[in-house]
């Protein structure tokens, strides 16, 4: 089970009241919410391994070089060395170190990669795994990794933790009218305002799906547009007008699958006495209470 960690702790932050605080006043709603999520996921899906995938670089420069608007609306300031600072509410930022501590206490490895996002870590681990994989995320872009033949699924949190959806190839086909392997091209054409990807002007989800159904992939769509066949003149004109964007966008949208991360998976186990004592002490320090207890109980099972 690969956790899109930031996606989950952002959801926890906004889903649990920020009145939940430690004794020193530090908010711990995201930290507690993430523990509850882990307890539910481990109990419901019984993974043999869990990895917390991390954004070592939430906005890699190589993606920005290709599309300058990539996640630009999330940048609040530029600091020394030209590093972009992501807009994160202060009460959440204060909890990130606590989240790392609690994951370590549960024996869940935290894995990131320099100059890459958590999506790239997930893409590499899912592609290289020698076992079935469940990806837990609220990011639709990771639908591109769904692969029934290799038993790679996405457990989508888009509708909330009470309405988790298991995304398989059939589900994606029914919902979007495309194959999972076409999802990256679909997202490129459609664009994504939340990531600062403009898409092809005038091409929405329905048209993107229709074009992919007719031509198979983005390269074939561009070839057909140049030839003026297999689509309306208006559609062809829109595709051709977006040539500069389409030259670079596929590399930005596609998750990296070939990072050398080594063997980062460790079997999920019940905590031994020393680990359990450390986890309980951490819970007492940060008022993680029943949330930590539920996570420990899930590992015990």
C-alpha atoms as a PDB file:
ATOM      1  CA  UNK A   1       0.000   0.000   0.000  1.00  0.00           C
ATOM      2  CA  UNK A   2       1.514   3.286  -1.185  1.00  0.00           C
ATOM      3  CA  UNK A   3       0.266   6.354   0.655  1.00  0.00           C
ATOM      4  CA  UNK A   4       0.202   9.720  -1.100  1.00  0.00           C
ATOM      5  CA  UNK A   5       1.049  11.155   2.286  1.00  0.00           C
ATOM      6  CA  UNK A   6       0.541  14.874   1.703  1.00  0.00           C
ATOM      7  CA  UNK A   7      -2.777  14.227  -0.021  1.00  0.00           C
ATOM      8  CA  UNK A   8      -3.932  12.350   3.067  1.00  0.00           C
ATOM      9  CA  UNK A   9      -2.689  14.742   5.716  1.00  0.00           C
ATOM     10  CA  UNK A  10      -4.153  17.744   3.895  1.00  0.00           C
ATOM     11  CA  UNK A  11      -7.501  15.904   3.856  1.00  0.00           C
ATOM     12  CA  UNK A  12      -7.114  15.087   7.546  1.00  0.00           C
ATOM     13  CA  UNK A  13      -6.284  18.711   8.359  1.00  0.00           C
ATOM     14  CA  UNK A  14      -9.472  19.989   6.776  1.00  0.00           C
ATOM     15  CA  UNK A  15     -11.596  17.068   7.989  1.00  0.00           C
ATOM     16  CA  UNK A  16     -10.756  17.150  11.713  1.00  0.00           C
ATOM     17  CA  UNK A  17     -11.485  20.279  13.823  1.00  0.00           C
ATOM     18  CA  UNK A  18      -8.379  22.341  14.557  1.00  0.00           C
ATOM     19  CA  UNK A  19      -9.505  22.590  18.162  1.00  0.00           C
ATOM     20  CA  UNK A  20      -7.769  19.224  18.650  1.00  0.00           C
ATOM     21  CA  UNK A  21      -4.460  20.279  20.198  1.00  0.00           C
ATOM     22  CA  UNK A  22      -1.529  19.045  22.239  1.00  0.00           C
ATOM     23  CA  UNK A  23      -0.890  20.260  25.776  1.00  0.00           C
ATOM     24  CA  UNK A  24       1.363  23.071  24.541  1.00  0.00           C
ATOM     25  CA  UNK A  25      -1.337  24.309  22.170  1.00  0.00           C
ATOM     26  CA  UNK A  26       0.117  22.786  18.995  1.00  0.00           C
ATOM     27  CA  UNK A  27      -2.712  21.679  16.683  1.00  0.00           C
ATOM     28  CA  UNK A  28      -2.674  17.935  16.012  1.00  0.00           C
ATOM     29  CA  UNK A  29      -5.833  17.479  13.952  1.00  0.00           C
ATOM     30  CA  UNK A  30      -3.915  16.409  10.820  1.00  0.00           C
ATOM     31  CA  UNK A  31      -1.626  14.104  12.795  1.00  0.00           C
ATOM     32  CA  UNK A  32      -4.552  12.404  14.517  1.00  0.00           C
ATOM     33  CA  UNK A  33      -6.617  12.278  11.335  1.00  0.00           C
ATOM     34  CA  UNK A  34      -3.802  10.583   9.428  1.00  0.00           C
ATOM     35  CA  UNK A  35      -3.485   7.934  12.139  1.00  0.00           C
ATOM     36  CA  UNK A  36      -7.217   7.243  11.889  1.00  0.00           C
ATOM     37  CA  UNK A  37      -6.890   6.930   8.110  1.00  0.00           C
ATOM     38  CA  UNK A  38      -4.015   4.469   8.436  1.00  0.00           C
ATOM     39  CA  UNK A  39      -5.975   2.415  10.976  1.00  0.00           C
ATOM     40  CA  UNK A  40      -8.965   2.250   8.646  1.00  0.00           C
ATOM     41  CA  UNK A  41      -6.921   1.440   5.540  1.00  0.00           C
ATOM     42  CA  UNK A  42      -4.846  -1.275   7.205  1.00  0.00           C
ATOM     43  CA  UNK A  43      -7.961  -2.849   8.724  1.00  0.00           C
ATOM     44  CA  UNK A  44     -10.035  -2.717   5.536  1.00  0.00           C
ATOM     45  CA  UNK A  45      -7.430  -3.723   2.950  1.00  0.00           C
ATOM     46  CA  UNK A  46      -4.928  -5.745   5.023  1.00  0.00           C
ATOM     47  CA  UNK A  47      -1.734  -4.712   3.198  1.00  0.00           C
ATOM     48  CA  UNK A  48       1.413  -6.707   3.852  1.00  0.00           C
ATOM     49  CA  UNK A  49       3.566  -3.581   3.384  1.00  0.00           C
ATOM     50  CA  UNK A  50       2.867   0.150   3.703  1.00  0.00           C
ATOM     51  CA  UNK A  51       5.061   2.992   2.408  1.00  0.00           C
ATOM     52  CA  UNK A  52       4.483   6.684   3.142  1.00  0.00           C
ATOM     53  CA  UNK A  53       5.503   8.369  -0.128  1.00  0.00           C
ATOM     54  CA  UNK A  54       6.830  11.891   0.402  1.00  0.00           C
ATOM     55  CA  UNK A  55       7.217  15.113  -1.584  1.00  0.00           C
ATOM     56  CA  UNK A  56      10.935  15.791  -1.302  1.00  0.00           C
ATOM     57  CA  UNK A  57      10.304  18.424  -3.986  1.00  0.00           C
ATOM     58  CA  UNK A  58       6.652  19.393  -4.389  1.00  0.00           C
ATOM     59  CA  UNK A  59       7.369  21.505  -7.525  1.00  0.00           C
ATOM     60  CA  UNK A  60      10.436  20.099  -9.328  1.00  0.00           C
ATOM     61  CA  UNK A  61      12.328  22.673 -11.355  1.00  0.00           C
ATOM     62  CA  UNK A  62      12.501  20.396 -14.388  1.00  0.00           C
ATOM     63  CA  UNK A  63       8.692  20.400 -14.562  1.00  0.00           C
ATOM     64  CA  UNK A  64       8.554  24.174 -14.082  1.00  0.00           C
ATOM     65  CA  UNK A  65      11.140  24.630 -16.864  1.00  0.00           C
ATOM     66  CA  UNK A  66       8.772  22.800 -19.208  1.00  0.00           C
ATOM     67  CA  UNK A  67       5.569  24.541 -18.051  1.00  0.00           C
ATOM     68  CA  UNK A  68       6.226  27.671 -15.936  1.00  0.00           C
ATOM     69  CA  UNK A  69       2.616  27.771 -14.717  1.00  0.00           C
ATOM     70  CA  UNK A  70       2.987  24.349 -13.101  1.00  0.00           C
ATOM     71  CA  UNK A  71       1.627  24.737  -9.534  1.00  0.00           C
ATOM     72  CA  UNK A  72       2.553  28.435  -9.735  1.00  0.00           C
ATOM     73  CA  UNK A  73      -0.667  29.497  -8.011  1.00  0.00           C
ATOM     74  CA  UNK A  74       0.422  27.557  -4.897  1.00  0.00           C
ATOM     75  CA  UNK A  75       3.661  29.498  -4.488  1.00  0.00           C
ATOM     76  CA  UNK A  76       3.509  32.121  -1.751  1.00  0.00           C
ATOM     77  CA  UNK A  77       7.039  33.478  -1.930  1.00  0.00           C
ATOM     78  CA  UNK A  78      10.480  32.838  -3.317  1.00  0.00           C
ATOM     79  CA  UNK A  79      13.256  32.428  -0.783  1.00  0.00           C
ATOM     80  CA  UNK A  80      17.018  32.040  -0.909  1.00  0.00           C
ATOM     81  CA  UNK A  81      18.477  29.765  -3.592  1.00  0.00           C
ATOM     82  CA  UNK A  82      15.323  30.266  -5.619  1.00  0.00           C
ATOM     83  CA  UNK A  83      13.349  27.624  -3.749  1.00  0.00           C
ATOM     84  CA  UNK A  84       9.579  27.961  -4.031  1.00  0.00           C
ATOM     85  CA  UNK A  85       7.549  27.823  -0.840  1.00  0.00           C
ATOM     86  CA  UNK A  86       4.229  25.996  -1.039  1.00  0.00           C
ATOM     87  CA  UNK A  87       1.237  27.646   0.554  1.00  0.00           C
ATOM     88  CA  UNK A  88       0.566  25.503   3.624  1.00  0.00           C
ATOM     89  CA  UNK A  89      -1.549  26.718   6.544  1.00  0.00           C
ATOM     90  CA  UNK A  90       0.709  27.385   9.548  1.00  0.00           C
ATOM     91  CA  UNK A  91      -1.268  25.014  11.811  1.00  0.00           C
ATOM     92  CA  UNK A  92      -0.642  22.212   9.308  1.00  0.00           C
ATOM     93  CA  UNK A  93       3.024  23.009   8.735  1.00  0.00           C
ATOM     94  CA  UNK A  94       3.604  22.724  12.477  1.00  0.00           C
ATOM     95  CA  UNK A  95       2.283  19.155  12.351  1.00  0.00           C
ATOM     96  CA  UNK A  96       4.492  17.795   9.588  1.00  0.00           C
ATOM     97  CA  UNK A  97       7.355  16.847  11.964  1.00  0.00           C
ATOM     98  CA  UNK A  98       4.825  15.131  14.249  1.00  0.00           C
ATOM     99  CA  UNK A  99       3.444  13.209  11.272  1.00  0.00           C
ATOM    100  CA  UNK A 100       6.924  12.000  10.381  1.00  0.00           C
ATOM    101  CA  UNK A 101       7.485  10.940  13.997  1.00  0.00           C
ATOM    102  CA  UNK A 102       4.247   8.963  14.170  1.00  0.00           C
ATOM    103  CA  UNK A 103       4.891   7.172  10.893  1.00  0.00           C
ATOM    104  CA  UNK A 104       8.350   6.179  12.107  1.00  0.00           C
ATOM    105  CA  UNK A 105       6.894   5.023  15.420  1.00  0.00           C
ATOM    106  CA  UNK A 106       4.525   2.688  13.544  1.00  0.00           C
ATOM    107  CA  UNK A 107       7.376   1.260  11.470  1.00  0.00           C
ATOM    108  CA  UNK A 108       6.066   2.771   8.223  1.00  0.00           C
ATOM    109  CA  UNK A 109       8.976   3.884   6.008  1.00  0.00           C
ATOM    110  CA  UNK A 110       8.918   7.433   4.634  1.00  0.00           C
ATOM    111  CA  UNK A 111      10.267   7.498   1.088  1.00  0.00           C
ATOM    112  CA  UNK A 112      11.007  10.524  -1.080  1.00  0.00           C
ATOM    113  CA  UNK A 113      13.385  11.312  -3.924  1.00  0.00           C
ATOM    114  CA  UNK A 114      15.397  14.458  -4.628  1.00  0.00           C
ATOM    115  CA  UNK A 115      13.900  16.680  -7.351  1.00  0.00           C
ATOM    116  CA  UNK A 116      10.760  14.531  -7.495  1.00  0.00           C
ATOM    117  CA  UNK A 117       7.256  14.522  -6.098  1.00  0.00           C
ATOM    118  CA  UNK A 118       5.518  11.806  -4.129  1.00  0.00           C
ATOM    119  CA  UNK A 119       3.665  10.935  -7.357  1.00  0.00           C
ATOM    120  CA  UNK A 120       6.998   9.940  -8.918  1.00  0.00           C
ATOM    121  CA  UNK A 121       7.916   7.824  -5.911  1.00  0.00           C
ATOM    122  CA  UNK A 122       4.530   6.128  -6.154  1.00  0.00           C
ATOM    123  CA  UNK A 123       4.897   5.622  -9.909  1.00  0.00           C
ATOM    124  CA  UNK A 124       8.322   4.028  -9.514  1.00  0.00           C
ATOM    125  CA  UNK A 125       7.390   1.760  -6.617  1.00  0.00           C
ATOM    126  CA  UNK A 126       4.104   0.690  -8.242  1.00  0.00           C
ATOM    127  CA  UNK A 127       5.769  -0.067 -11.570  1.00  0.00           C
ATOM    128  CA  UNK A 128       8.715  -1.941 -10.093  1.00  0.00           C
ATOM    129  CA  UNK A 129       6.799  -3.844  -7.398  1.00  0.00           C
ATOM    130  CA  UNK A 130       6.782  -7.617  -7.452  1.00  0.00           C
ATOM    131  CA  UNK A 131       3.473  -7.771  -5.585  1.00  0.00           C
ATOM    132  CA  UNK A 132      -0.056  -6.331  -5.926  1.00  0.00           C
ATOM    133  CA  UNK A 133      -0.226  -2.605  -5.158  1.00  0.00           C
ATOM    134  CA  UNK A 134      -2.893  -0.316  -3.740  1.00  0.00           C
ATOM    135  CA  UNK A 135      -2.239   3.434  -4.137  1.00  0.00           C
ATOM    136  CA  UNK A 136      -4.130   5.647  -1.699  1.00  0.00           C
ATOM    137  CA  UNK A 137      -4.596   9.192  -2.990  1.00  0.00           C
ATOM    138  CA  UNK A 138      -7.000  11.994  -3.741  1.00  0.00           C
ATOM    139  CA  UNK A 139      -5.078  12.808  -6.940  1.00  0.00           C
ATOM    140  CA  UNK A 140      -6.795  11.657 -10.129  1.00  0.00           C
ATOM    141  CA  UNK A 141      -3.537  11.906 -12.093  1.00  0.00           C
ATOM    142  CA  UNK A 142      -2.410   8.668 -10.464  1.00  0.00           C
ATOM    143  CA  UNK A 143      -5.189   6.831 -12.286  1.00  0.00           C
ATOM    144  CA  UNK A 144      -2.600   6.504 -15.061  1.00  0.00           C
ATOM    145  CA  UNK A 145      -0.918   3.802 -12.953  1.00  0.00           C
ATOM    146  CA  UNK A 146      -3.942   1.493 -12.714  1.00  0.00           C
ATOM    147  CA  UNK A 147      -3.093  -1.844 -14.281  1.00  0.00           C
ATOM    148  CA  UNK A 148      -5.389  -4.838 -13.808  1.00  0.00           C
ATOM    149  CA  UNK A 149      -2.863  -7.264 -15.291  1.00  0.00           C
ATOM    150  CA  UNK A 150      -0.329  -6.315 -12.608  1.00  0.00           C
ATOM    151  CA  UNK A 151      -2.985  -5.865  -9.896  1.00  0.00           C
ATOM    152  CA  UNK A 152      -2.266  -2.165  -9.380  1.00  0.00           C
ATOM    153  CA  UNK A 153      -5.291  -0.254  -8.116  1.00  0.00           C
ATOM    154  CA  UNK A 154      -5.987   3.233  -6.811  1.00  0.00           C
ATOM    155  CA  UNK A 155      -8.017   3.628  -3.635  1.00  0.00           C
ATOM    156  CA  UNK A 156      -9.429   7.078  -4.251  1.00  0.00           C
ATOM    157  CA  UNK A 157     -10.221   9.410  -1.359  1.00  0.00           C
ATOM    158  CA  UNK A 158     -11.827  12.031  -3.611  1.00  0.00           C
ATOM    159  CA  UNK A 159     -15.251  11.381  -2.047  1.00  0.00           C
ATOM    160  CA  UNK A 160     -13.858  11.114   1.478  1.00  0.00           C
ATOM    161  CA  UNK A 161     -12.679   8.337   3.745  1.00  0.00           C
ATOM    162  CA  UNK A 162     -16.240   7.165   4.257  1.00  0.00           C
ATOM    163  CA  UNK A 163     -16.714   6.701   0.528  1.00  0.00           C
ATOM    164  CA  UNK A 164     -13.459   5.184  -0.692  1.00  0.00           C
ATOM    165  CA  UNK A 165     -13.529   4.083  -4.320  1.00  0.00           C
ATOM    166  CA  UNK A 166     -11.381   1.300  -5.706  1.00  0.00           C
ATOM    167  CA  UNK A 167     -10.345   2.364  -9.191  1.00  0.00           C
ATOM    168  CA  UNK A 168      -9.740  -0.471 -11.632  1.00  0.00           C
ATOM    169  CA  UNK A 169      -9.498  -0.358 -15.418  1.00  0.00           C
ATOM    170  CA  UNK A 170     -13.212  -1.111 -15.758  1.00  0.00           C
ATOM    171  CA  UNK A 171     -14.168   1.691 -13.382  1.00  0.00           C
ATOM    172  CA  UNK A 172     -11.995   4.198 -15.260  1.00  0.00           C
ATOM    173  CA  UNK A 173     -13.401   3.080 -18.604  1.00  0.00           C
ATOM    174  CA  UNK A 174     -16.971   3.404 -17.366  1.00  0.00           C
ATOM    175  CA  UNK A 175     -16.408   6.815 -15.772  1.00  0.00           C
ATOM    176  CA  UNK A 176     -14.206   8.530 -18.355  1.00  0.00           C
ATOM    177  CA  UNK A 177     -14.608   6.472 -21.517  1.00  0.00           C
ATOM    178  CA  UNK A 178     -10.873   5.813 -21.757  1.00  0.00           C
ATOM    179  CA  UNK A 179      -8.412   3.112 -20.758  1.00  0.00           C
ATOM    180  CA  UNK A 180      -6.202   3.677 -17.727  1.00  0.00           C
ATOM    181  CA  UNK A 181      -3.164   3.652 -20.023  1.00  0.00           C
ATOM    182  CA  UNK A 182      -4.676   6.674 -21.811  1.00  0.00           C
ATOM    183  CA  UNK A 183      -5.254   8.680 -18.649  1.00  0.00           C
ATOM    184  CA  UNK A 184      -2.039  10.739 -18.837  1.00  0.00           C
ATOM    185  CA  UNK A 185      -2.875  11.828 -22.403  1.00  0.00           C
ATOM    186  CA  UNK A 186      -6.445  12.504 -21.276  1.00  0.00           C
ATOM    187  CA  UNK A 187      -5.199  14.723 -18.435  1.00  0.00           C
ATOM    188  CA  UNK A 188      -2.804  16.506 -20.788  1.00  0.00           C
ATOM    189  CA  UNK A 189      -5.599  17.384 -23.208  1.00  0.00           C
ATOM    190  CA  UNK A 190      -8.120  18.305 -20.517  1.00  0.00           C
ATOM    191  CA  UNK A 191      -5.681  20.237 -18.358  1.00  0.00           C
ATOM    192  CA  UNK A 192      -5.873  20.642 -14.591  1.00  0.00           C
ATOM    193  CA  UNK A 193      -6.318  24.046 -12.986  1.00  0.00           C
ATOM    194  CA  UNK A 194      -5.262  22.671  -9.592  1.00  0.00           C
ATOM    195  CA  UNK A 195      -1.817  21.911 -11.049  1.00  0.00           C
ATOM    196  CA  UNK A 196      -1.581  24.963 -13.287  1.00  0.00           C
ATOM    197  CA  UNK A 197      -1.861  22.889 -16.465  1.00  0.00           C
ATOM    198  CA  UNK A 198      -3.827  24.831 -19.086  1.00  0.00           C
ATOM    199  CA  UNK A 199      -4.751  21.895 -21.311  1.00  0.00           C
ATOM    200  CA  UNK A 200      -5.831  22.409 -24.899  1.00  0.00           C
ATOM    201  CA  UNK A 201      -8.150  25.415 -25.077  1.00  0.00           C
ATOM    202  CA  UNK A 202     -11.653  24.293 -25.952  1.00  0.00           C
ATOM    203  CA  UNK A 203     -10.985  20.595 -25.315  1.00  0.00           C
ATOM    204  CA  UNK A 204     -12.803  19.301 -22.240  1.00  0.00           C
ATOM    205  CA  UNK A 205     -13.176  15.825 -20.798  1.00  0.00           C
ATOM    206  CA  UNK A 206     -15.781  14.588 -23.267  1.00  0.00           C
ATOM    207  CA  UNK A 207     -13.902  15.740 -26.354  1.00  0.00           C
ATOM    208  CA  UNK A 208     -10.598  14.449 -24.990  1.00  0.00           C
ATOM    209  CA  UNK A 209     -12.164  11.030 -24.386  1.00  0.00           C
ATOM    210  CA  UNK A 210     -13.732  11.011 -27.849  1.00  0.00           C
ATOM    211  CA  UNK A 211     -10.439  11.850 -29.531  1.00  0.00           C
ATOM    212  CA  UNK A 212      -8.541   9.212 -27.566  1.00  0.00           C
ATOM    213  CA  UNK A 213     -11.192   6.617 -28.314  1.00  0.00           C
ATOM    214  CA  UNK A 214     -10.894   7.373 -32.017  1.00  0.00           C
ATOM    215  CA  UNK A 215      -7.095   7.690 -32.286  1.00  0.00           C
ATOM    216  CA  UNK A 216      -5.593   5.818 -29.347  1.00  0.00           C
ATOM    217  CA  UNK A 217      -3.043   8.271 -27.996  1.00  0.00           C
ATOM    218  CA  UNK A 218      -1.899  11.882 -28.095  1.00  0.00           C
ATOM    219  CA  UNK A 219       0.692  11.377 -30.825  1.00  0.00           C
ATOM    220  CA  UNK A 220      -1.927   9.883 -33.112  1.00  0.00           C
ATOM    221  CA  UNK A 221      -4.334  12.729 -32.325  1.00  0.00           C
ATOM    222  CA  UNK A 222      -1.692  15.308 -33.283  1.00  0.00           C
ATOM    223  CA  UNK A 223      -0.901  13.437 -36.488  1.00  0.00           C
ATOM    224  CA  UNK A 224      -4.595  13.304 -37.397  1.00  0.00           C
ATOM    225  CA  UNK A 225      -4.989  17.004 -36.672  1.00  0.00           C
ATOM    226  CA  UNK A 226      -2.120  17.839 -39.025  1.00  0.00           C
ATOM    227  CA  UNK A 227      -3.690  15.646 -41.709  1.00  0.00           C
ATOM    228  CA  UNK A 228      -7.141  17.087 -41.081  1.00  0.00           C
ATOM    229  CA  UNK A 229      -8.719  13.661 -40.677  1.00  0.00           C
ATOM    230  CA  UNK A 230     -10.679  11.865 -37.985  1.00  0.00           C
ATOM    231  CA  UNK A 231     -11.945  14.983 -36.228  1.00  0.00           C
ATOM    232  CA  UNK A 232     -13.780  18.202 -36.919  1.00  0.00           C
ATOM    233  CA  UNK A 233     -11.932  21.176 -38.356  1.00  0.00           C
ATOM    234  CA  UNK A 234     -12.522  23.018 -35.094  1.00  0.00           C
ATOM    235  CA  UNK A 235     -10.999  20.215 -33.035  1.00  0.00           C
ATOM    236  CA  UNK A 236      -8.026  19.988 -35.368  1.00  0.00           C
ATOM    237  CA  UNK A 237      -7.455  23.734 -35.150  1.00  0.00           C
ATOM    238  CA  UNK A 238      -7.489  23.606 -31.339  1.00  0.00           C
ATOM    239  CA  UNK A 239      -4.984  20.758 -31.227  1.00  0.00           C
ATOM    240  CA  UNK A 240      -2.668  22.477 -33.695  1.00  0.00           C
ATOM    241  CA  UNK A 241      -2.886  25.791 -31.840  1.00  0.00           C
ATOM    242  CA  UNK A 242      -1.688  24.051 -28.683  1.00  0.00           C
ATOM    243  CA  UNK A 243       1.421  22.586 -30.333  1.00  0.00           C
ATOM    244  CA  UNK A 244       3.929  24.274 -28.004  1.00  0.00           C
ATOM    245  CA  UNK A 245       2.054  23.086 -24.912  1.00  0.00           C
ATOM    246  CA  UNK A 246       1.633  19.559 -26.284  1.00  0.00           C
ATOM    247  CA  UNK A 247       5.351  19.348 -27.036  1.00  0.00           C
ATOM    248  CA  UNK A 248       6.187  19.503 -23.318  1.00  0.00           C
ATOM    249  CA  UNK A 249       3.068  18.702 -21.288  1.00  0.00           C
ATOM    250  CA  UNK A 250       3.213  14.889 -21.579  1.00  0.00           C
ATOM    251  CA  UNK A 251       6.518  14.815 -19.696  1.00  0.00           C
ATOM    252  CA  UNK A 252       5.080  17.019 -16.950  1.00  0.00           C
ATOM    253  CA  UNK A 253       1.887  14.979 -16.564  1.00  0.00           C
ATOM    254  CA  UNK A 254       3.437  11.510 -16.752  1.00  0.00           C
ATOM    255  CA  UNK A 255       4.659  10.236 -13.395  1.00  0.00           C
ATOM    256  CA  UNK A 256       8.241   9.030 -13.291  1.00  0.00           C
ATOM    257  CA  UNK A 257       8.475   5.246 -13.138  1.00  0.00           C
ATOM    258  CA  UNK A 258      12.192   4.518 -13.126  1.00  0.00           C
ATOM    259  CA  UNK A 259      13.553   6.063  -9.914  1.00  0.00           C
ATOM    260  CA  UNK A 260      16.087   3.841  -8.209  1.00  0.00           C
ATOM    261  CA  UNK A 261      14.732   3.810  -4.670  1.00  0.00           C
ATOM    262  CA  UNK A 262      16.242   0.539  -3.539  1.00  0.00           C
ATOM    263  CA  UNK A 263      14.287  -1.930  -1.428  1.00  0.00           C
ATOM    264  CA  UNK A 264      12.252   0.416   0.721  1.00  0.00           C
ATOM    265  CA  UNK A 265       9.411  -1.940   1.585  1.00  0.00           C
ATOM    266  CA  UNK A 266       9.396  -3.569   4.988  1.00  0.00           C
ATOM    267  CA  UNK A 267       6.690  -5.989   6.127  1.00  0.00           C
ATOM    268  CA  UNK A 268       3.994  -4.435   8.274  1.00  0.00           C
ATOM    269  CA  UNK A 269       4.248  -5.906  11.758  1.00  0.00           C
ATOM    270  CA  UNK A 270       2.742  -5.562  15.194  1.00  0.00           C
ATOM    271  CA  UNK A 271       4.915  -3.342  17.367  1.00  0.00           C
ATOM    272  CA  UNK A 272       7.245  -5.041  19.825  1.00  0.00           C
ATOM    273  CA  UNK A 273       7.244  -3.930  23.468  1.00  0.00           C
ATOM    274  CA  UNK A 274       9.876  -1.237  23.007  1.00  0.00           C
ATOM    275  CA  UNK A 275       8.210   0.164  19.876  1.00  0.00           C
ATOM    276  CA  UNK A 276       4.815   0.089  21.545  1.00  0.00           C
ATOM    277  CA  UNK A 277       6.133   1.996  24.550  1.00  0.00           C
ATOM    278  CA  UNK A 278       7.730   4.601  22.285  1.00  0.00           C
ATOM    279  CA  UNK A 279       4.523   5.010  20.264  1.00  0.00           C
ATOM    280  CA  UNK A 280       2.452   5.399  23.427  1.00  0.00           C
ATOM    281  CA  UNK A 281       4.916   7.984  24.762  1.00  0.00           C
ATOM    282  CA  UNK A 282       4.691   9.917  21.486  1.00  0.00           C
ATOM    283  CA  UNK A 283       0.908   9.781  21.683  1.00  0.00           C
ATOM    284  CA  UNK A 284       0.959  11.124  25.229  1.00  0.00           C
ATOM    285  CA  UNK A 285       3.354  13.917  24.307  1.00  0.00           C
ATOM    286  CA  UNK A 286       1.240  15.144  21.384  1.00  0.00           C
ATOM    287  CA  UNK A 287      -2.244  14.170  22.571  1.00  0.00           C
ATOM    288  CA  UNK A 288      -2.692  11.619  19.783  1.00  0.00           C
ATOM    289  CA  UNK A 289      -4.754   9.517  22.155  1.00  0.00           C
ATOM    290  CA  UNK A 290      -7.231   7.048  20.711  1.00  0.00           C
ATOM    291  CA  UNK A 291      -5.995   7.695  17.167  1.00  0.00           C
ATOM    292  CA  UNK A 292      -2.597   6.182  17.939  1.00  0.00           C
ATOM    293  CA  UNK A 293      -4.296   3.370  19.856  1.00  0.00           C
ATOM    294  CA  UNK A 294      -6.421   2.528  16.806  1.00  0.00           C
ATOM    295  CA  UNK A 295      -3.380   2.503  14.520  1.00  0.00           C
ATOM    296  CA  UNK A 296      -1.477   0.221  16.905  1.00  0.00           C
ATOM    297  CA  UNK A 297      -4.487  -2.087  17.145  1.00  0.00           C
ATOM    298  CA  UNK A 298      -4.706  -2.250  13.359  1.00  0.00           C
ATOM    299  CA  UNK A 299      -1.062  -3.396  13.207  1.00  0.00           C
ATOM    300  CA  UNK A 300      -1.784  -5.964  15.913  1.00  0.00           C
ATOM    301  CA  UNK A 301      -4.533  -7.471  13.785  1.00  0.00           C
END
